[in-house]
Every structure is written in structure tokens, then in C-alpha cells.
């Protein structure tokens, strides 16, 4: 029986062991023009303009191009639309556009800045930043000088952007989503009701990597798991991977690749040659499974070729993130990211903050029900 057939035959078993997780569904309130009293016990989400009658203006900080970020940003925007902060039909793209046109978050925010979303919310002009490409000192200077002037809130994606903006201690709220571990990375001090900074909120998915590996292990109790980590170990979930190794009883074989320039064609060619060499070496280490972490292979057109040493040895490749990686060569993704309802959850945090709540005191933990994607 092939490994793929074995995985399919065990799907029913997996479905039987997945934990039942309750969704946290935000409730949309009717739109209104006046900001509710911030002293009220229950802060609402109703849309309203700034005191001067103008819309609140958002900036966006990312690290580099990643369609997972684009998809989640879209569902945050849809959540804000459901709450009335964006008028229906005003978004200049659909989720299908993101897939078919490969829209990056930069593409999306550029379009949003040119679009009339209604009287309550706008995206500030020239307020998108890629930390992987833009000079960090320039980004810090821009955000510091504009926060409270033409920027009223900042949305960040992932660990690097979340850490960077939180450390600026700006006078406007920031909302980070999809960081692997916002507490361990230092974006927030705690997920238990006080982030440590009234202006900083970060979405927390409890132990997502450990839960994911537990599901994979329940289907295929591998003795040796291979992992190649690019850059920051926290971003790749290494603390959770090591915890899973100790608790589930498998041996971890881990290689590290230091961060390096990946902008020019030559830099990318040299980088992927390095990745290919490490994968070939990893495949010869007697591993029973490989766990593909984020940011190692961003060009999915190269995925099948790079993973060939694992296929040749019938080593299953499990994924940390991105359903597109399943379509391009990964065996399986068990994703604990319910993008629609996570988007609603983040939108509600933004709306409550604009209604007077302290961002750092709002609930930030959301446990997603897992979805299964099989190649």
C-alpha cells in the first residue's frame, strides 16, 4: 500500500481524534454615526467617523510577498464590511482576484488607498511597507512621524512586522495577525487579558504548531521528523516543534539556514541552490517525515523539484501553512486557521478599539477548528 493511500485510509481516524473547537463569532452591530461613550461597560463595534468627520486612516506593514497574508487581510476587510466600517460592494477586489491575479498585500493596500470605502475607514496614501525590502530606519521614521497625523491605526502581518511596529511604541493602536507565537516573540507580554501595551493587540492561536504535529503524528507515528528552518526559529514554530518531539516521542532532525538577501535573481538562485543541497542532505538522514515550515520555499513553482529527494524515498511532506503548497507538491496540510472567522475576530478588535477600548486589554485568543487538505 502506498504512503498516499495509507494517508487517505487514515483520514477517518484523524477526523475521529480532532478536538472540537468552539468558534468565537463576533456579532455585527448596526451602523451609526456617533461614537459610543468609551466609559460604557460593553464597548460596541458600531462605525463612526473621527471627531473631525473624516475617516480613520490605516497603514499596513508586512515582511514580503505571501498570498496567505493576502487572503487573511481580505477576510479582515470583509469582517469590517460586515460591521459597517466599509460600505458593501466597495472593496476593489474579491478573494478570487487574489488567487487568479496573485494579488500581494501591497497590491491590495495600493488599491484600497485609491478607493472610497465609505465615510468611516480609509487606507492612508503611501502607508504600505515591506520590511524585507524597505529600509527599516525609513519605515520607522515614516510611522513615527505620521502616527496620530495621517495614520490612526496600523495593521501588521506576522512575527517580524509585529515585533518591529510594537517596539516603536507609537501613539496609535496596532493589530497584528498570523504571528506564529506573539507571546514568545515578544509582540505582546501575555495573551491572558493584558498585552503589556495598551496600543498593541495581536491575534493568538494557541500552540498551533504543536496541535498540527499532534494531528500528523496521530495519522503516521513517524520516528524521525526532519525540519529545515529559515531565519528566526520562533517564526517557524521551533519551540512548539521541540515540545512536540518531547511529548510525542519522535526524534527531531533540524537544519538551520541563516537569513540572507533574497531579492535579485542571482540571490534567489543562490538561495534555492542552498535549500536544494540541505534538502538532499536531509533526505539521507533516515527521516520518516518532513515538516515544511514557513518562508523556506516561497516560490511554489520550485516546490516539486526541490522536494523530489523526499518523494524518491517515499518520505511524506507535511505542511505548516499555505494550501497552495498542497497543490504544488506537499502531501498534506492540516490548517488551524479558519480565515473567515479569524477575519471577523480581528475586525471586531479593530472596531472596538476605534470605539474607545484599549487594544491591549481586548481578548486576543482565537482557537480555529482544523481543516484538512490532501494532495
Protein backbone atom coordinates (compact mmCIF):
# COMPACT_ATOMS: atom_id res chain seq x y z
CA UNK A 1 0.00 0.00 0.00
CA UNK A 2 1.48 3.38 -0.98
CA UNK A 3 2.04 6.16 1.55
CA UNK A 4 -0.62 8.29 -0.15
CA UNK A 5 -3.26 5.55 0.02
CA UNK A 6 -2.36 4.93 3.63
CA UNK A 7 -2.88 8.61 4.41
CA UNK A 8 -6.29 8.61 2.75
CA UNK A 9 -7.36 5.46 4.55
CA UNK A 10 -6.44 7.06 7.86
CA UNK A 11 -8.41 10.25 7.28
CA UNK A 12 -11.43 8.79 9.02
CA UNK A 13 -9.28 8.04 12.04
CA UNK A 14 -8.00 11.59 12.10
CA UNK A 15 -11.48 13.03 11.94
CA UNK A 16 -12.32 10.96 14.98
CA UNK A 17 -9.49 12.37 17.07
CA UNK A 18 -9.66 16.05 16.09
CA UNK A 19 -10.66 18.20 19.01
CA UNK A 20 -13.96 20.02 18.89
CA UNK A 21 -13.22 23.72 18.96
CA UNK A 22 -15.77 26.44 19.50
CA UNK A 23 -15.79 29.34 17.10
CA UNK A 24 -15.67 32.84 18.52
CA UNK A 25 -18.17 34.56 16.29
CA UNK A 26 -18.22 38.35 16.54
CA UNK A 27 -21.63 39.94 16.43
CA UNK A 28 -22.20 42.79 13.98
CA UNK A 29 -23.94 45.85 15.36
CA UNK A 30 -25.97 48.30 13.36
CA UNK A 31 -24.04 51.17 11.78
CA UNK A 32 -24.28 54.55 13.47
CA UNK A 33 -22.77 57.99 13.06
CA UNK A 34 -21.96 58.79 16.70
CA UNK A 35 -19.13 57.18 18.63
CA UNK A 36 -20.46 55.37 21.73
CA UNK A 37 -19.34 56.51 25.17
CA UNK A 38 -15.99 54.83 25.88
CA UNK A 39 -16.91 54.53 29.54
CA UNK A 40 -19.71 52.10 28.82
CA UNK A 41 -19.17 48.66 30.32
CA UNK A 42 -19.61 46.96 26.95
CA UNK A 43 -17.69 48.64 24.13
CA UNK A 44 -19.55 48.34 20.86
CA UNK A 45 -18.39 47.94 17.27
CA UNK A 46 -20.62 50.49 15.52
CA UNK A 47 -18.89 52.52 12.81
CA UNK A 48 -18.38 56.25 13.11
CA UNK A 49 -16.07 58.92 11.77
CA UNK A 50 -13.21 60.63 13.55
CA UNK A 51 -14.26 63.65 15.66
CA UNK A 52 -13.35 65.90 12.72
CA UNK A 53 -15.74 63.99 10.46
CA UNK A 54 -13.02 62.28 8.45
CA UNK A 55 -12.44 58.50 8.16
CA UNK A 56 -9.94 56.67 10.32
CA UNK A 57 -6.81 56.01 8.25
CA UNK A 58 -4.91 52.72 8.31
CA UNK A 59 -1.32 51.81 7.49
CA UNK A 60 -0.10 48.30 6.76
CA UNK A 61 3.28 46.66 7.50
CA UNK A 62 4.34 43.27 6.12
CA UNK A 63 7.61 41.46 5.58
CA UNK A 64 7.39 40.28 1.97
CA UNK A 65 5.01 38.78 -0.58
CA UNK A 66 2.92 35.90 0.80
CA UNK A 67 -0.53 35.02 -0.53
CA UNK A 68 -1.60 33.63 2.85
CA UNK A 69 -1.32 37.19 4.18
CA UNK A 70 -3.37 38.47 1.23
CA UNK A 71 -6.16 36.00 1.89
CA UNK A 72 -6.32 36.78 5.62
CA UNK A 73 -6.26 40.54 5.00
CA UNK A 74 -9.20 40.08 2.65
CA UNK A 75 -11.26 38.38 5.36
CA UNK A 76 -10.36 41.10 7.87
CA UNK A 77 -11.71 43.62 5.38
CA UNK A 78 -14.85 41.53 4.90
CA UNK A 79 -15.27 41.46 8.68
CA UNK A 80 -15.05 45.25 8.76
CA UNK A 81 -17.58 45.35 5.93
CA UNK A 82 -19.98 43.15 7.94
CA UNK A 83 -19.63 45.55 10.88
CA UNK A 84 -20.42 48.54 8.67
CA UNK A 85 -16.96 50.14 8.65
CA UNK A 86 -16.65 49.52 4.89
CA UNK A 87 -19.64 50.06 2.65
CA UNK A 88 -20.88 46.90 0.85
CA UNK A 89 -19.51 46.48 -2.64
CA UNK A 90 -16.68 48.98 -2.16
CA UNK A 91 -13.77 46.53 -1.86
CA UNK A 92 -11.80 46.79 -5.14
CA UNK A 93 -11.07 43.04 -5.34
CA UNK A 94 -12.52 39.65 -4.44
CA UNK A 95 -10.87 36.61 -2.92
CA UNK A 96 -11.00 35.09 -6.40
CA UNK A 97 -8.94 38.04 -7.67
CA UNK A 98 -6.29 37.30 -5.06
CA UNK A 99 -5.99 33.72 -6.33
CA UNK A 100 -6.25 34.36 -10.06
CA UNK A 101 -4.14 37.54 -10.17
CA UNK A 102 -1.77 36.68 -7.35
CA UNK A 103 -2.53 39.92 -5.51
CA UNK A 104 0.01 40.71 -2.81
CA UNK A 105 -0.86 42.75 0.26
CA UNK A 106 0.99 45.65 -1.40
CA UNK A 107 -1.28 45.36 -4.45
CA UNK A 108 -4.32 45.25 -2.18
CA UNK A 109 -3.39 48.20 0.02
CA UNK A 110 -2.44 50.30 -3.02
CA UNK A 111 -5.91 49.66 -4.48
CA UNK A 112 -7.57 50.33 -1.12
CA UNK A 113 -5.79 53.69 -0.78
CA UNK A 114 -7.28 54.74 -4.12
CA UNK A 115 -10.80 53.55 -3.26
CA UNK A 116 -13.63 55.31 -1.44
CA UNK A 117 -14.57 52.69 1.16
CA UNK A 118 -17.18 54.93 2.79
CA UNK A 119 -17.02 57.64 5.45
CA UNK A 120 -15.55 55.58 8.29
CA UNK A 121 -12.34 53.91 7.16
CA UNK A 122 -9.63 54.60 4.59
CA UNK A 123 -6.10 53.39 3.86
CA UNK A 124 -3.57 56.20 4.05
CA UNK A 125 -1.63 57.07 0.92
CA UNK A 126 1.93 55.72 0.73
CA UNK A 127 1.46 53.87 4.01
CA UNK A 128 2.41 50.33 2.98
CA UNK A 129 5.79 48.90 3.95
CA UNK A 130 7.69 45.65 3.26
CA UNK A 131 10.33 45.17 5.93
CA UNK A 132 12.10 42.65 3.71
CA UNK A 133 12.78 45.33 1.10
CA UNK A 134 12.32 48.79 2.63
CA UNK A 135 15.00 50.39 4.80
CA UNK A 136 13.89 49.76 8.42
CA UNK A 137 15.08 53.21 9.53
CA UNK A 138 12.94 54.80 6.82
CA UNK A 139 9.91 52.73 7.83
CA UNK A 140 10.38 53.63 11.49
CA UNK A 141 10.74 57.33 10.65
CA UNK A 142 7.63 57.30 8.44
CA UNK A 143 5.46 55.55 11.02
CA UNK A 144 6.75 57.67 13.89
CA UNK A 145 6.18 60.98 12.10
CA UNK A 146 2.78 60.05 10.67
CA UNK A 147 1.20 58.15 13.60
CA UNK A 148 -1.51 60.38 15.00
CA UNK A 149 -1.27 62.70 11.99
CA UNK A 150 -2.48 60.89 8.86
CA UNK A 151 -2.28 57.37 10.35
CA UNK A 152 -4.81 56.35 13.03
CA UNK A 153 -4.15 52.60 13.20
CA UNK A 154 -1.63 50.10 11.88
CA UNK A 155 -2.29 46.54 10.69
CA UNK A 156 0.70 44.18 10.66
CA UNK A 157 1.18 40.67 9.34
CA UNK A 158 3.31 38.07 11.06
CA UNK A 159 6.10 37.99 13.60
CA UNK A 160 8.71 40.29 12.05
CA UNK A 161 6.31 43.14 11.32
CA UNK A 162 4.57 42.73 14.67
CA UNK A 163 7.82 42.94 16.63
CA UNK A 164 9.06 45.90 14.58
CA UNK A 165 5.97 48.06 15.00
CA UNK A 166 5.32 47.13 18.63
CA UNK A 167 8.84 48.22 19.57
CA UNK A 168 8.25 51.70 18.11
CA UNK A 169 5.77 52.45 20.94
CA UNK A 170 3.58 54.55 18.68
CA UNK A 171 0.61 56.60 19.94
CA UNK A 172 -1.86 54.72 17.70
CA UNK A 173 -3.13 51.14 18.04
CA UNK A 174 -1.59 48.29 16.08
CA UNK A 175 -3.22 44.96 15.25
CA UNK A 176 -1.02 42.00 14.34
CA UNK A 177 -2.32 38.81 12.76
CA UNK A 178 -0.87 35.40 11.91
CA UNK A 179 2.31 35.59 14.00
CA UNK A 180 3.35 32.06 14.97
CA UNK A 181 3.69 32.88 18.68
CA UNK A 182 3.09 36.55 19.58
CA UNK A 183 3.97 35.99 23.25
CA UNK A 184 7.22 34.05 22.77
CA UNK A 185 8.35 36.51 20.10
CA UNK A 186 7.67 39.49 22.36
CA UNK A 187 4.97 41.24 20.36
CA UNK A 188 2.77 41.03 23.44
CA UNK A 189 3.67 40.15 27.02
CA UNK A 190 0.66 37.92 27.64
CA UNK A 191 -2.43 36.51 25.98
CA UNK A 192 -4.36 36.47 29.26
CA UNK A 193 -6.11 39.83 29.14
CA UNK A 194 -3.31 42.40 29.12
CA UNK A 195 -0.84 42.56 26.25
CA UNK A 196 1.52 44.75 28.27
CA UNK A 197 0.96 47.73 25.97
CA UNK A 198 -2.45 49.43 25.65
CA UNK A 199 -1.74 50.18 21.99
CA UNK A 200 -0.74 46.65 20.94
CA UNK A 201 -3.08 43.78 20.06
CA UNK A 202 -2.02 40.51 18.43
CA UNK A 203 -4.14 37.57 17.35
CA UNK A 204 -3.08 34.43 19.23
CA UNK A 205 -3.73 30.89 18.00
CA UNK A 206 -2.86 28.62 20.96
CA UNK A 207 0.04 26.24 20.20
CA UNK A 208 -0.85 25.91 16.50
CA UNK A 209 2.28 24.01 15.50
CA UNK A 210 2.07 21.53 18.38
CA UNK A 211 -1.61 20.85 17.63
CA UNK A 212 -0.80 20.42 13.95
CA UNK A 213 2.06 17.99 14.57
CA UNK A 214 -0.11 16.05 17.00
CA UNK A 215 -2.68 15.52 14.22
CA UNK A 216 0.00 14.47 11.72
CA UNK A 217 1.53 12.07 14.26
CA UNK A 218 -1.87 10.52 15.04
CA UNK A 219 -2.10 9.52 11.37
CA UNK A 220 1.50 8.47 10.84
CA UNK A 221 3.55 7.90 14.02
CA UNK A 222 6.90 8.90 12.49
CA UNK A 223 10.03 8.06 14.45
CA UNK A 224 12.20 10.80 12.90
CA UNK A 225 10.93 14.19 11.68
CA UNK A 226 13.06 16.45 9.52
CA UNK A 227 12.80 20.26 9.63
CA UNK A 228 14.78 22.95 7.81
CA UNK A 229 14.38 26.35 9.43
CA UNK A 230 14.97 29.64 7.62
CA UNK A 231 15.84 32.58 9.85
CA UNK A 232 14.04 33.15 13.14
CA UNK A 233 13.18 29.87 14.88
CA UNK A 234 10.12 31.38 16.58
CA UNK A 235 8.57 32.28 13.22
CA UNK A 236 9.00 28.66 12.11
CA UNK A 237 7.45 27.34 15.32
CA UNK A 238 10.59 25.60 16.58
CA UNK A 239 9.64 25.85 20.29
CA UNK A 240 6.37 24.02 19.51
CA UNK A 241 8.18 21.51 17.27
CA UNK A 242 10.65 20.68 20.03
CA UNK A 243 7.82 20.42 22.56
CA UNK A 244 6.00 18.02 20.23
CA UNK A 245 9.17 15.94 19.86
CA UNK A 246 9.48 15.60 23.64
CA UNK A 247 5.80 14.85 24.25
CA UNK A 248 5.03 12.62 21.27
CA UNK A 249 8.32 10.74 21.35
CA UNK A 250 9.81 11.32 17.89
CA UNK A 251 13.40 12.38 17.12
CA UNK A 252 13.86 15.80 15.55
CA UNK A 253 16.46 16.33 12.82
CA UNK A 254 16.82 20.10 12.37
CA UNK A 255 18.92 22.15 9.98
CA UNK A 256 19.10 25.94 10.05
CA UNK A 257 19.62 28.40 7.21
CA UNK A 258 20.54 31.94 8.26
CA UNK A 259 18.60 34.89 6.86
CA UNK A 260 20.13 36.25 3.67
CA UNK A 261 19.25 38.59 0.78
CA UNK A 262 16.60 37.05 -1.49
CA UNK A 263 15.71 39.97 -3.75
CA UNK A 264 17.68 39.77 -7.01
CA UNK A 265 17.50 36.89 -9.45
CA UNK A 266 21.07 35.88 -8.62
CA UNK A 267 20.40 35.99 -4.86
CA UNK A 268 17.33 33.80 -5.27
CA UNK A 269 19.22 31.34 -7.48
CA UNK A 270 21.98 31.03 -4.87
CA UNK A 271 19.45 30.70 -2.05
CA UNK A 272 17.43 27.91 -3.68
CA UNK A 273 20.63 26.07 -4.60
CA UNK A 274 21.48 26.14 -0.88
CA UNK A 275 17.97 24.89 0.02
CA UNK A 276 18.25 22.08 -2.56
CA UNK A 277 21.53 20.96 -1.02
CA UNK A 278 20.14 20.93 2.51
CA UNK A 279 17.02 19.01 1.39
CA UNK A 280 19.15 16.40 -0.38
CA UNK A 281 21.25 16.02 2.77
CA UNK A 282 18.14 15.85 4.99
CA UNK A 283 16.57 13.13 2.84
CA UNK A 284 19.56 10.87 3.51
CA UNK A 285 19.27 11.13 7.31
CA UNK A 286 16.75 8.31 7.74
CA UNK A 287 13.78 10.57 8.48
CA UNK A 288 10.24 9.17 8.23
CA UNK A 289 8.54 12.54 7.55
CA UNK A 290 9.46 16.11 6.67
CA UNK A 291 7.75 19.23 8.05
CA UNK A 292 7.88 22.18 5.65
CA UNK A 293 7.92 25.39 7.69
CA UNK A 294 7.04 28.90 6.54
CA UNK A 295 9.38 31.08 4.49
CA UNK A 296 11.72 28.28 3.40
CA UNK A 297 10.30 27.90 -0.13
CA UNK A 298 8.26 30.93 -1.15
CA UNK A 299 8.41 30.29 -4.89
CA UNK A 300 5.93 27.43 -5.12
CA UNK A 301 6.76 26.79 -8.79
CA UNK A 302 10.03 25.31 -7.48
CA UNK A 303 8.41 23.18 -4.78
CA UNK A 304 8.04 19.87 -6.62
CA UNK A 305 11.59 19.92 -7.90
CA UNK A 306 13.05 20.84 -4.54
CA UNK A 307 11.07 18.17 -2.69
CA UNK A 308 11.97 15.39 -5.15
CA UNK A 309 14.59 13.79 -2.84
CA UNK A 310 11.79 13.15 -0.34
CA UNK A 311 9.44 11.72 -2.99
CA UNK A 312 12.19 9.40 -4.23
CA UNK A 313 12.43 7.91 -0.71
CA UNK A 314 8.66 7.86 -0.04
CA UNK A 315 9.06 10.43 2.74
CA UNK A 316 5.76 12.29 3.29
CA UNK A 317 5.94 16.10 3.36
CA UNK A 318 3.63 17.75 5.88
CA UNK A 319 2.99 21.47 5.74
CA UNK A 320 2.91 24.22 8.32
CA UNK A 321 0.93 26.63 6.15
CA UNK A 322 -0.49 27.55 2.72
CA UNK A 323 -2.96 25.38 0.85
CA UNK A 324 -1.21 26.31 -2.42
CA UNK A 325 1.76 24.24 -1.26
CA UNK A 326 -0.50 21.17 -1.25
CA UNK A 327 -1.48 21.86 -4.85
CA UNK A 328 2.19 22.25 -5.75
CA UNK A 329 3.67 19.14 -4.17
CA UNK A 330 3.11 18.86 -0.41
CA UNK A 331 1.30 15.74 0.80
CA UNK A 332 -0.97 17.23 3.44
CA UNK A 333 -1.91 20.40 5.27
CA UNK A 334 -3.94 20.37 8.46
CA UNK A 335 -4.62 24.06 8.87
CA UNK A 336 -5.83 25.50 12.14
CA UNK A 337 -6.66 28.83 10.52
CA UNK A 338 -10.33 29.48 9.87
CA UNK A 339 -9.71 32.62 7.82
CA UNK A 340 -13.32 33.78 7.61
CA UNK A 341 -13.97 33.80 11.35
CA UNK A 342 -10.43 34.84 12.25
CA UNK A 343 -11.03 37.83 9.98
CA UNK A 344 -14.23 38.64 11.86
CA UNK A 345 -12.42 38.30 15.18
CA UNK A 346 -9.67 40.72 14.15
CA UNK A 347 -12.19 43.14 12.62
CA UNK A 348 -14.11 43.21 15.91
CA UNK A 349 -10.92 44.05 17.83
CA UNK A 350 -10.26 46.94 15.43
CA UNK A 351 -13.86 48.18 15.67
CA UNK A 352 -13.93 48.04 19.47
CA UNK A 353 -10.65 49.91 19.70
CA UNK A 354 -11.95 52.67 17.43
CA UNK A 355 -14.95 52.83 19.77
CA UNK A 356 -12.75 53.56 22.78
CA UNK A 357 -11.49 50.20 24.05
CA UNK A 358 -7.81 49.74 24.90
CA UNK A 359 -6.43 47.42 22.26
CA UNK A 360 -4.10 45.73 24.73
CA UNK A 361 -6.96 44.71 27.02
CA UNK A 362 -9.18 43.11 24.38
CA UNK A 363 -9.41 39.30 24.03
CA UNK A 364 -6.80 38.09 21.57
CA UNK A 365 -7.02 34.27 21.69
CA UNK A 366 -8.87 32.52 18.88
CA UNK A 367 -8.83 28.72 18.51
CA UNK A 368 -9.64 27.69 14.96
CA UNK A 369 -11.24 24.40 14.01
CA UNK A 370 -8.80 22.47 11.78
CA UNK A 371 -9.28 21.95 8.06
CA UNK A 372 -7.67 19.09 6.11
CA UNK A 373 -6.15 19.43 2.62
CA UNK A 374 -4.67 16.34 0.92
CA UNK A 375 -2.67 16.01 -2.27
